[in-house]
Structures are given as C-alpha cells and as structure tokens.
Protein backbone atom coordinates (compact mmCIF):
# COMPACT_ATOMS: atom_id res chain seq x y z
CA MET A 1 -0.01 0.04 -0.03
CA LYS A 2 1.33 3.26 -0.94
CA LEU A 3 1.95 6.02 1.66
CA LYS A 4 -0.31 8.93 2.42
CA ILE A 5 1.12 12.16 1.74
CA GLY A 6 0.01 15.31 3.35
CA PHE A 7 1.15 18.95 2.07
CA VAL A 8 1.41 22.27 3.78
CA SER A 9 1.84 25.41 1.13
CA LEU A 10 2.91 28.76 2.30
CA GLY A 11 3.68 31.86 0.64
CA CYS A 12 2.69 33.53 -2.66
CA PRO A 13 0.82 31.78 -5.63
CA LYS A 14 3.90 31.06 -7.43
CA ASN A 15 4.93 28.75 -4.44
CA GLN A 16 1.22 27.65 -4.50
CA LEU A 17 1.73 26.36 -8.00
CA ASP A 18 5.05 24.76 -7.44
CA THR A 19 2.86 22.70 -4.82
CA GLU A 20 0.36 21.76 -7.47
CA VAL A 21 3.15 20.40 -9.61
CA MET A 22 4.59 18.41 -7.00
CA LEU A 23 1.20 17.01 -6.31
CA ALA A 24 0.50 15.81 -9.92
CA HIS A 25 4.02 14.02 -9.73
CA LEU A 26 3.00 12.14 -6.55
CA VAL A 27 -0.58 11.25 -7.78
CA LYS A 28 0.96 10.19 -10.84
CA ALA A 29 3.28 7.63 -8.91
CA GLY A 30 0.24 6.36 -7.01
CA TYR A 31 0.73 8.16 -3.71
CA GLU A 32 -2.40 8.91 -1.77
CA ILE A 33 -2.82 12.55 -0.76
CA THR A 34 -4.51 13.70 2.33
CA PRO A 35 -5.66 16.97 3.43
CA GLU A 36 -5.05 16.24 7.24
CA GLU A 37 -1.44 16.22 8.31
CA SER A 38 -2.41 13.95 11.07
CA GLU A 39 -3.28 11.24 9.09
CA ALA A 40 -0.19 11.51 6.79
CA ASP A 41 2.89 9.25 6.71
CA ILE A 42 4.84 11.80 5.17
CA VAL A 43 4.38 15.70 5.20
CA ILE A 44 5.77 18.05 2.49
CA ILE A 45 6.10 21.71 3.69
CA ASN A 46 6.44 24.43 0.64
CA THR A 47 8.11 27.28 2.61
CA CYS A 48 8.24 30.94 2.02
CA ALA A 49 11.11 32.94 3.02
CA PHE A 50 10.74 36.24 1.37
CA ILE A 51 10.84 38.39 4.70
CA GLU A 52 11.32 37.64 8.38
CA SER A 53 7.63 37.26 9.01
CA ALA A 54 7.24 34.70 6.17
CA LYS A 55 10.46 32.74 7.42
CA LYS A 56 8.95 32.63 10.94
CA GLU A 57 5.72 30.98 9.68
CA SER A 58 7.73 28.41 7.81
CA ILE A 59 9.78 27.54 10.84
CA ASP A 60 6.63 27.59 12.95
CA ASN A 61 5.01 25.24 10.65
CA ILE A 62 8.06 22.87 10.55
CA LEU A 63 8.07 22.83 14.45
CA ASP A 64 4.27 21.88 14.35
CA ILE A 65 4.72 19.02 12.10
CA ALA A 66 7.80 17.85 13.92
CA TRP A 67 5.23 17.40 16.90
CA LEU A 68 3.45 14.87 14.88
CA LYS A 69 6.56 13.12 14.22
CA GLU A 70 7.50 12.85 17.79
CA ASN A 71 3.93 12.36 19.09
CA ALA A 72 1.62 10.98 16.45
CA GLY A 73 3.49 8.33 14.48
CA LEU A 74 4.39 10.57 11.18
CA LYS A 75 7.25 8.88 9.51
CA GLY A 76 8.74 11.64 7.67
CA ILE A 77 9.22 15.39 6.87
CA ILE A 78 10.33 17.13 3.58
CA VAL A 79 10.73 20.74 3.58
CA THR A 80 10.99 22.60 -0.09
CA GLY A 81 10.32 25.92 -1.28
CA CYS A 82 12.13 29.22 -0.47
CA LEU A 83 13.44 28.47 3.15
CA ALA A 84 14.69 25.19 1.77
CA GLU A 85 16.74 27.01 -1.19
CA ARG A 86 18.02 29.83 0.98
CA TYR A 87 19.07 28.10 3.97
CA ARG A 88 19.93 24.55 2.70
CA ASP A 89 21.55 22.04 4.89
CA GLU A 90 21.18 24.44 7.78
CA ILE A 91 17.66 23.16 8.05
CA LEU A 92 18.63 19.64 8.29
CA ASN A 93 21.42 20.98 11.05
CA GLU A 94 18.92 22.82 12.72
CA PHE A 95 15.93 20.47 12.76
CA SER A 96 16.80 16.94 13.62
CA GLU A 97 13.09 16.12 12.69
CA VAL A 98 13.45 17.09 9.12
CA ASP A 99 14.26 14.20 6.66
CA CYS A 100 14.90 15.87 3.29
CA VAL A 101 15.34 19.40 2.22
CA LEU A 102 14.62 19.96 -1.46
CA GLY A 103 15.72 23.14 -3.45
CA VAL A 104 13.40 25.12 -5.89
CA GLY A 105 15.48 23.65 -8.45
CA SER A 106 14.41 19.93 -7.85
CA ILE A 107 10.73 20.08 -7.27
CA HIS A 108 10.40 17.75 -10.34
CA GLU A 109 12.33 15.12 -7.92
CA ILE A 110 9.79 15.01 -5.09
CA VAL A 111 8.73 11.42 -6.08
CA LYS A 112 12.38 10.26 -5.34
CA ALA A 113 12.59 12.52 -2.27
CA VAL A 114 9.67 10.61 -0.70
CA GLU A 115 10.97 7.34 -1.73
CA ASP A 116 14.24 7.92 -0.03
CA VAL A 117 12.56 9.36 3.12
CA SER A 118 10.42 6.18 3.18
CA LYS A 119 13.53 4.10 3.19
CA ASN A 120 14.82 6.16 6.35
CA LYS A 121 17.60 8.13 4.10
CA ARG A 122 18.20 11.67 5.33
CA ILE A 123 19.10 13.71 2.20
CA SER A 124 19.15 17.18 0.71
CA MET A 125 18.65 17.91 -3.08
CA TYR A 126 19.52 21.13 -4.98
CA GLY A 127 18.96 21.17 -8.71
CA ASP A 128 20.13 24.01 -10.85
CA LYS A 129 17.18 26.56 -10.17
CA ASN A 130 18.11 28.44 -13.29
CA THR A 131 17.69 25.40 -15.55
CA VAL A 132 14.77 23.60 -13.72
CA THR A 133 11.75 22.84 -16.31
CA LEU A 134 8.92 25.46 -15.96
CA GLY A 135 5.36 24.40 -16.01
CA GLY A 136 4.54 20.57 -16.16
CA ASP A 137 1.30 18.63 -14.95
CA ARG A 138 -0.38 20.08 -12.05
CA ILE A 139 -3.51 19.43 -9.77
CA VAL A 140 -5.25 22.84 -9.11
CA THR A 141 -6.01 23.51 -5.72
CA THR A 142 -7.58 26.63 -5.92
CA GLY A 143 -11.22 25.36 -6.68
CA ASP A 144 -13.26 25.45 -9.84
CA SER A 145 -13.38 29.26 -10.48
CA TYR A 146 -9.80 30.40 -11.07
CA ALA A 147 -6.30 29.15 -11.43
CA TYR A 148 -2.65 30.71 -11.51
CA LEU A 149 -0.71 30.79 -14.63
CA LYS A 150 2.94 30.99 -14.10
CA ILE A 151 4.49 32.57 -17.25
CA SER A 152 8.22 33.29 -15.81
CA GLU A 153 10.56 32.45 -12.99
CA GLY A 154 13.19 34.16 -11.06
CA CYS A 155 14.01 37.92 -11.25
CA ASN A 156 16.78 40.26 -12.80
CA ASN A 157 15.74 43.42 -11.13
CA ARG A 158 18.12 43.04 -8.12
CA CYS A 159 16.28 45.64 -5.66
CA THR A 160 18.48 46.06 -2.86
CA TYR A 161 15.97 44.71 -0.29
CA CYS A 162 15.12 41.50 -1.90
CA ALA A 163 16.33 38.07 -1.64
CA ILE A 164 14.13 36.64 -4.47
CA PRO A 165 17.10 36.58 -7.06
CA ASN A 166 19.49 34.81 -4.72
CA ILE A 167 16.57 32.31 -4.07
CA ARG A 168 14.67 32.02 -7.34
CA GLY A 169 17.60 32.65 -9.85
CA LYS A 170 17.79 34.60 -13.02
CA PHE A 171 14.45 35.88 -14.75
CA ARG A 172 13.44 33.05 -17.39
CA SER A 173 10.22 33.33 -19.48
CA ARG A 174 8.29 30.19 -20.38
CA PRO A 175 7.75 29.62 -24.13
CA MET A 176 4.72 31.23 -25.41
CA ASP A 177 3.06 28.29 -26.98
CA ASP A 178 3.80 26.18 -23.68
CA ILE A 179 1.45 28.76 -21.66
CA ILE A 180 -1.05 28.73 -24.24
CA LYS A 181 -1.15 24.72 -24.26
CA GLU A 182 -1.53 24.86 -20.30
CA ALA A 183 -4.20 27.79 -20.22
CA LYS A 184 -6.17 25.52 -22.76
CA GLU A 185 -5.98 22.69 -20.64
CA LEU A 186 -7.23 24.64 -17.42
CA CYS A 187 -10.12 26.07 -19.45
CA ASP A 188 -10.91 22.42 -20.33
CA ILE A 189 -11.40 21.41 -16.93
CA GLY A 190 -13.86 24.31 -16.31
CA ILE A 191 -11.66 27.17 -15.10
CA LYS A 192 -13.28 30.60 -15.67
CA GLU A 193 -10.54 32.90 -14.62
CA LEU A 194 -6.74 32.73 -15.21
CA ILE A 195 -4.39 34.74 -13.09
CA VAL A 196 -1.07 35.58 -14.82
CA ILE A 197 1.70 35.51 -12.30
CA GLY A 198 5.57 35.88 -12.43
CA GLN A 199 8.17 37.74 -10.36
CA ASP A 200 7.91 40.26 -13.12
CA THR A 201 5.13 39.81 -15.38
CA THR A 202 5.91 42.84 -17.39
CA ALA A 203 9.33 41.65 -18.38
CA TYR A 204 7.87 38.50 -20.07
CA GLY A 205 9.50 37.70 -23.13
CA ILE A 206 12.66 40.02 -22.81
CA ASP A 207 14.94 36.88 -22.62
CA LEU A 208 13.36 34.71 -25.32
CA TYR A 209 11.99 37.04 -27.85
CA LYS A 210 14.24 40.23 -27.03
CA LYS A 211 11.11 42.60 -26.16
CA TYR A 212 8.48 42.84 -23.72
CA GLU A 213 5.90 40.26 -24.90
CA LEU A 214 3.11 40.62 -22.07
CA PRO A 215 0.81 42.32 -24.52
CA THR A 216 1.05 39.54 -27.09
CA LEU A 217 0.82 36.82 -24.60
CA LEU A 218 -2.41 38.25 -23.08
CA SER A 219 -3.86 38.66 -26.68
CA ARG A 220 -3.21 35.22 -27.69
CA LEU A 221 -4.57 33.97 -24.37
CA ALA A 222 -7.83 35.70 -25.12
CA GLY A 223 -8.02 34.49 -28.53
CA GLU A 224 -6.75 31.20 -28.71
CA THR A 225 -8.52 29.89 -25.09
CA GLU A 226 -12.17 29.82 -23.77
CA VAL A 227 -11.06 31.88 -20.83
CA LYS A 228 -13.69 34.01 -19.56
CA TRP A 229 -11.59 36.53 -17.33
CA LEU A 230 -7.78 37.23 -17.48
CA ARG A 231 -5.97 39.12 -14.67
CA VAL A 232 -2.43 40.26 -14.29
CA LEU A 233 -0.37 40.61 -10.98
CA TYR A 234 3.18 41.55 -10.20
CA CYS A 235 3.52 44.35 -12.82
CA TYR A 236 6.46 46.99 -12.82
CA PRO A 237 5.96 50.61 -13.42
CA ASP A 238 8.92 50.99 -15.76
CA LYS A 239 7.41 48.41 -17.97
CA ILE A 240 3.68 49.97 -18.60
CA THR A 241 4.38 50.22 -22.19
CA PRO A 242 1.67 51.74 -24.61
CA GLU A 243 1.15 48.22 -26.09
CA LEU A 244 0.28 47.13 -22.84
CA ILE A 245 -2.30 50.04 -22.08
CA ASN A 246 -3.78 49.33 -25.56
CA GLU A 247 -4.30 45.48 -24.67
CA PHE A 248 -6.27 46.63 -21.50
CA LYS A 249 -8.40 49.07 -23.62
CA THR A 250 -9.13 46.67 -26.42
CA ASN A 251 -8.94 42.97 -24.93
CA ASP A 252 -12.33 42.37 -23.49
CA LYS A 253 -11.21 39.23 -21.49
CA LEU A 254 -8.39 41.10 -19.82
CA LEU A 255 -9.80 42.62 -16.69
CA LYS A 256 -9.17 46.08 -15.99
CA TYR A 257 -7.04 45.41 -12.88
CA ILE A 258 -3.48 45.57 -12.28
CA ASP A 259 -1.12 44.91 -9.55
CA LEU A 260 1.78 47.64 -9.53
CA PRO A 261 3.91 47.38 -6.63
CA ILE A 262 5.31 50.84 -6.34
CA GLN A 263 7.43 50.54 -3.13
CA HIS A 264 8.01 54.17 -2.71
CA ILE A 265 7.77 57.55 -4.35
CA ASN A 266 10.63 59.57 -3.21
CA ASP A 267 13.38 59.44 -5.86
CA ARG A 268 16.32 59.22 -3.43
CA ILE A 269 14.77 55.99 -1.56
CA LEU A 270 13.83 54.48 -4.83
CA LYS A 271 17.38 54.92 -6.20
CA LYS A 272 18.77 53.32 -2.83
CA MET A 273 16.02 50.59 -3.41
CA ASN A 274 17.49 50.10 -6.98
CA ARG A 275 14.10 50.40 -8.28
CA ARG A 276 13.87 50.99 -12.06
CA GLY A 277 12.66 54.62 -12.96
CA ASN A 278 11.73 57.13 -10.18
CA GLY A 279 8.84 59.00 -9.00
CA GLU A 280 8.03 60.42 -12.14
CA THR A 281 8.13 57.14 -13.86
CA ILE A 282 5.59 55.89 -11.09
CA LYS A 283 3.09 58.66 -11.58
CA ASN A 284 3.36 58.30 -15.51
CA ALA A 285 2.45 54.79 -15.29
CA ILE A 286 -0.55 55.32 -13.25
CA LYS A 287 -1.68 58.11 -15.38
CA ALA A 288 -1.47 55.93 -18.39
CA LEU A 289 -3.51 53.22 -16.63
CA ARG A 290 -6.06 55.48 -15.50
CA GLU A 291 -6.78 56.37 -19.00
CA VAL A 292 -8.12 52.94 -19.27
CA GLU A 293 -11.92 53.27 -18.38
CA GLY A 294 -12.83 51.32 -15.12
CA MET A 295 -8.90 50.41 -14.18
CA VAL A 296 -8.18 49.03 -10.73
CA ILE A 297 -4.97 49.54 -9.35
CA ARG A 298 -3.50 47.52 -6.35
CA SER A 299 -0.23 48.61 -5.11
CA THR A 300 2.32 47.96 -2.17
CA ALA A 301 4.91 50.09 -0.70
CA ILE A 302 7.73 49.63 1.89
CA VAL A 303 8.14 52.09 5.12
CA GLY A 304 11.32 52.16 7.25
CA PHE A 305 13.83 51.70 4.50
CA PRO A 306 17.24 52.39 5.68
CA SER A 307 17.74 56.18 6.10
CA GLU A 308 14.17 56.96 5.27
CA THR A 309 13.53 60.37 6.71
CA GLU A 310 10.19 61.85 8.15
CA GLU A 311 9.88 64.00 5.29
CA GLU A 312 10.52 61.18 2.59
CA PHE A 313 7.69 58.99 4.55
CA SER A 314 5.46 62.17 4.59
CA GLU A 315 5.92 62.52 0.89
CA LEU A 316 4.74 58.80 0.43
CA CYS A 317 1.78 59.21 2.60
CA SER A 318 0.79 62.39 0.64
CA PHE A 319 1.01 60.40 -2.57
CA ILE A 320 -1.25 57.58 -1.19
CA ARG A 321 -3.77 60.08 -0.24
CA GLU A 322 -3.53 61.91 -3.56
CA VAL A 323 -3.37 58.92 -5.88
CA LYS A 324 -6.29 56.82 -4.20
CA PHE A 325 -5.28 53.32 -4.95
CA ASP A 326 -8.36 51.02 -5.07
CA HIS A 327 -6.37 48.58 -2.93
CA PHE A 328 -3.06 49.23 -1.23
CA GLY A 329 -0.73 47.37 1.33
CA ALA A 330 2.16 48.69 3.07
CA PHE A 331 5.13 46.68 4.94
CA ALA A 332 7.68 47.84 7.46
CA TYR A 333 11.05 47.04 5.70
CA SER A 334 12.48 43.62 6.72
CA ARG A 335 16.09 43.60 6.97
CA GLU A 336 17.21 40.21 4.82
CA GLU A 337 20.95 38.74 5.08
CA ASN A 338 22.76 38.52 1.84
CA THR A 339 20.92 41.85 0.26
CA PRO A 340 22.74 44.87 -0.12
CA ALA A 341 20.34 46.91 1.85
CA TYR A 342 21.25 44.57 4.81
CA ASP A 343 24.48 46.54 5.31
CA PHE A 344 23.14 49.98 4.83
CA GLU A 345 23.77 52.70 7.31
CA CYS A 346 21.12 54.48 9.42
CA GLN A 347 19.00 51.20 9.72
CA ILE A 348 15.46 52.64 11.02
CA ASP A 349 14.43 51.43 14.76
CA GLU A 350 11.55 48.59 14.61
CA LYS A 351 9.20 50.63 16.66
CA ILE A 352 9.48 53.55 14.18
CA LYS A 353 9.03 51.23 11.14
CA GLU A 354 5.82 49.65 12.96
CA LYS A 355 4.56 53.24 13.54
CA ARG A 356 4.94 54.35 9.98
CA GLU A 357 3.37 51.26 8.80
CA GLU A 358 0.40 52.03 11.12
CA ILE A 359 0.19 55.63 10.03
CA ILE A 360 0.21 54.94 6.25
CA MET A 361 -2.46 52.26 6.45
CA ARG A 362 -4.51 54.57 8.40
CA GLU A 363 -4.23 57.04 5.58
CA GLN A 364 -5.47 54.35 3.17
CA SER A 365 -8.53 53.59 5.38
CA TYR A 366 -9.67 57.04 4.65
CA VAL A 367 -9.29 56.47 0.81
CA ASP A 368 -10.89 53.10 1.27
CA GLU A 369 -13.91 54.54 3.06
CA GLU A 370 -14.21 57.42 0.36
CA LEU A 371 -14.27 54.69 -2.47
CA SER A 372 -16.62 52.35 -0.68
CA LYS A 373 -19.32 55.05 -0.57
CA GLU A 374 -19.11 55.37 -4.45
CA LYS A 375 -19.74 51.70 -4.87
CA ILE A 376 -22.93 51.51 -2.86
CA GLY A 377 -25.88 50.84 -5.15
CA LYS A 378 -23.76 50.02 -8.13
CA SER A 379 -24.31 46.90 -10.14
CA ILE A 380 -21.21 44.40 -10.71
CA LEU A 381 -20.68 41.18 -12.45
CA CYS A 382 -19.27 38.61 -10.14
CA LEU A 383 -17.74 35.11 -10.05
CA VAL A 384 -18.83 32.75 -7.46
CA ASP A 385 -15.98 31.29 -5.62
CA GLY A 386 -17.95 29.47 -2.85
CA TYR A 387 -20.95 28.66 -0.77
CA ASP A 388 -21.39 28.26 2.94
CA LYS A 389 -23.92 25.66 3.70
CA LEU A 390 -24.40 26.71 7.33
CA GLU A 391 -24.83 30.53 6.57
CA LYS A 392 -26.55 29.79 3.07
CA THR A 393 -24.53 32.33 1.69
CA TYR A 394 -22.35 32.49 -1.49
CA THR A 395 -19.10 34.25 -1.98
CA ALA A 396 -17.82 35.75 -4.95
CA ARG A 397 -15.61 38.24 -6.43
CA ALA A 398 -16.01 41.18 -8.85
CA TYR A 399 -13.31 42.03 -11.51
CA THR A 400 -12.17 44.68 -9.04
CA ASP A 401 -10.94 42.03 -6.46
CA ALA A 402 -8.20 39.16 -6.87
CA PRO A 403 -8.59 36.02 -4.68
CA GLU A 404 -6.63 35.88 -1.56
CA ILE A 405 -5.80 39.71 -1.31
CA ASP A 406 -8.62 41.75 -1.90
CA ASP A 407 -12.26 41.88 -0.86
CA LEU A 408 -14.95 39.21 -1.20
CA VAL A 409 -18.56 39.62 -1.93
CA PHE A 410 -21.23 37.92 -0.05
CA PHE A 411 -24.81 37.22 -1.14
CA LYS A 412 -27.75 34.91 -0.63
CA SER A 413 -29.77 33.74 -3.62
CA LYS A 414 -33.01 31.65 -4.20
CA ASN A 415 -31.50 30.44 -7.42
CA LYS A 416 -28.86 27.54 -7.24
CA HIS A 417 -25.37 28.57 -8.19
CA VAL A 418 -22.23 26.59 -8.44
CA VAL A 419 -18.60 27.58 -8.34
CA GLY A 420 -17.60 29.33 -11.46
CA ASP A 421 -20.96 30.88 -12.21
CA PHE A 422 -21.10 34.62 -13.05
CA VAL A 423 -23.94 36.53 -11.40
CA ASN A 424 -25.10 40.17 -11.57
CA LEU A 425 -25.32 41.67 -8.23
CA ILE A 426 -26.00 45.35 -6.41
CA ILE A 427 -23.99 46.30 -3.78
CA GLU A 428 -25.94 47.18 -0.53
CA GLU A 429 -23.16 47.44 2.00
CA ILE A 430 -19.44 47.41 2.46
CA ASP A 431 -18.00 46.65 5.95
CA ASP A 432 -14.17 46.27 6.45
CA HIS A 433 -13.46 45.15 2.98
CA ASN A 434 -16.36 42.57 2.86
CA ILE A 435 -19.07 43.56 0.36
CA TYR A 436 -22.69 42.66 1.03
CA ALA A 437 -24.73 42.35 -2.34
CA LYS A 438 -28.01 41.18 -3.46
CA GLU A 439 -28.71 39.28 -6.89
CA VAL A 440 -30.32 41.08 -9.63
CA ILE A 441 -33.37 39.23 -10.52
C-alpha cells in the first residue's frame, strides 16, 4: 500500500503553483494525498522566506509538523520551497526531525525524495534553479473558478532589499506556446479565470524574444482559449508600455485590474532600493493606466527603508492620499541577510517602522472609506468562488478583486449557483473590505 502524503503550502501563488506540480508528480506515482497532516505518513512543507515574518511562519510550521513526528506516528518530513533553497543544509542541521530538504530547482524530484525518506534516508537535493523545467502537469488546488498561470520564474531586477533573485535565480520566460497549451488545459477542466503571475510579469519575453511580450501573450490567451477572465499580477511601473495599455483598452477578456507595486515615491529612496525609474516613472504609469476606463490599481509600498526620513515618509503618505489606490498594502522594511540593504547605514528602529506602517495604512483607510461610498448601489458582475452551507451564503468576487488579497462579495440567493458561475449583483453594504450584495433578478 502506497504511503499517504500531506502538504503544507505557504507563501505566494507562485509557490502554490509549485505545490500543484509536486502533487501531480506524486499522484501519478500512485501516492494518496490527504488534507489532514495527522493522517499522513509523510508531510511536505513548501515554505516561504521572502521576509522575516514569512520565515517565522515557515519555521513555526516545521515545528508543528515535527510534533506529529514525535507524538503521532508521522514517518517523515520534507521541507521544500524558498526557505529550503535559501538556507539549504542549515535546515537539516537545525531540525533533527526533518528528513529531506528539496531546493526550488528539484521540485520535479519530489517522488524520489518521498521514496528515499520512506527508506529512512536523510537527504538534500539542490538542482539548478536556473534550468529547472517550468510548468508541467499540475493538480489545481484553488477550486473550480480560478487558477494561477505562471509565465516566468526568477528575477533580474535586483532590488537592494530583496532576496528573491538569490532564491529563485535569474529571470526566465516560459515559451508562449507552452503557456497557451497549459491555459487551454485549464479552461478544458472548467476554470473561468486565469491569473497571470511571475516575479515580474511585465518583463515577460525579454529573454526569449528580445522584447516585452506580455501584451502579445495576453492577446493570444484571449483569442486562443475559452477563458472568460484574465487577470495580471506583479507588474512593474517602468514597463507599463503603450502596447500594454492598448491591450487593457481593447482586450475584452483582460480585466481592468493591475497589481503595480511602487514600494516608494521618493526619488532618493527609490534609487537606494535600486528600483527602475523614479517617482515620475510611477506617476506616468498610473496616469496612463487611469486612461483605461474602469481600471483598478492595487499597489504596495515599503516603509522604514534604511535612512528614510520623516519628510520622505510624509511624501509617500501624501502620495497615497492623492493617488487613491483601489487596494493598497504597506510593509515595514525587513532586513534580509545577503541583500545589499542589509549593510546600509541608518537602519530604522523597529518601533518607528511599525508606527510608520500604522500611519500610512490609516491614511489608506480614509481612501478605502471614500471609495466604498461610491460603490454602494452599483451593479457588478461577479464570479462565484464558494458557498457556506451553514450560513446559506455565496462568496464571490468582482473584476475589481483578486482572490486571497482583495475584497470578497457575500450574497444570498433563491437560485442555485455553483462555483464558477457568473452573477449580476447590486452592492448594498461594505464593511471592513467585505461587500454585501443582492442578486439582480
């Protein structure tokens, strides 16, 4: 009898997609997958290590699963993902309960890893992250309404605060035909929304085709597949080209939604961050995007970056009030080893960073309140994501909201809906990013 395998998947959608690929390998090999870690013979923990809080979450999960090994008969623990790649054999040295560490370049070796652990071997595998095959068969774990579509891996931007290039390697685009093929397969199983992801989606194609080809890819995805909604995450302000703007204007399947991390607006801080362009670049990108009717912009910023002055922080706060992002999140700078910013002078005190994060998010709350008032009474087309049998309430999303990170729409209905249905709703109330609506009959 084959062993039962449990999974813990942490971090971003890009990591979740790696989990889906590993799941497919294991199911093909005949292993049984269980959603309950307590029932598993071996648990695989796909970790994140982007910032300190993510590392802590990963370590906490390793310790939780280690308890099962000590007290509940779990036979083996495999750690993979970004923490595994970043700290390698340190994990085996620090956690005696861990049996295998699998780097991001070895996810396609997951079956061998399980086989070795089942034979009581303690191993580590680190394939070349710059040549690992992108894509492959996968088991979708996001339900029947949406799925992520990874178009690239790695990053060449080299922001001074970021460990991703060291963890994930150089930027590599997937061949366009390969992406289209996977998209067709996802549509064939009923997926309605494809969410395009990569470390920098706007850089897509520069390595393979010597130019930015995200607009071409989006056009082909709309024209050659049965997808209903296309959404794009992780875009960079310096690569918001006229071609991309035109695609947003003319592609009916491409949602008027963009994830555009700015990280700051002050020119000096942006330069220290090694961000491409300056404050004017960001403003011009937003101006061009706002020319697209109905465009929704999500963004993020880092506060408390080394040497950030009160004046520079106030400049960022003023910009947030002025630009009125539809969705916005701020993060206190996380000092990450083996990044240039780790050794920068004038590191900001943790309490000051936390206070700045609190202040800027309070500013955004005023923006959210203002924008919410404008939505009341408006009709929106939504995609059904789930149903709560106890509450007899459906959950859905409008084009204005990406899964996991943005707002949810809740509604009751006398009609029977299934996940993946589109429904017309009227917004009645918005409370703390939860939208309450009624169905248009």
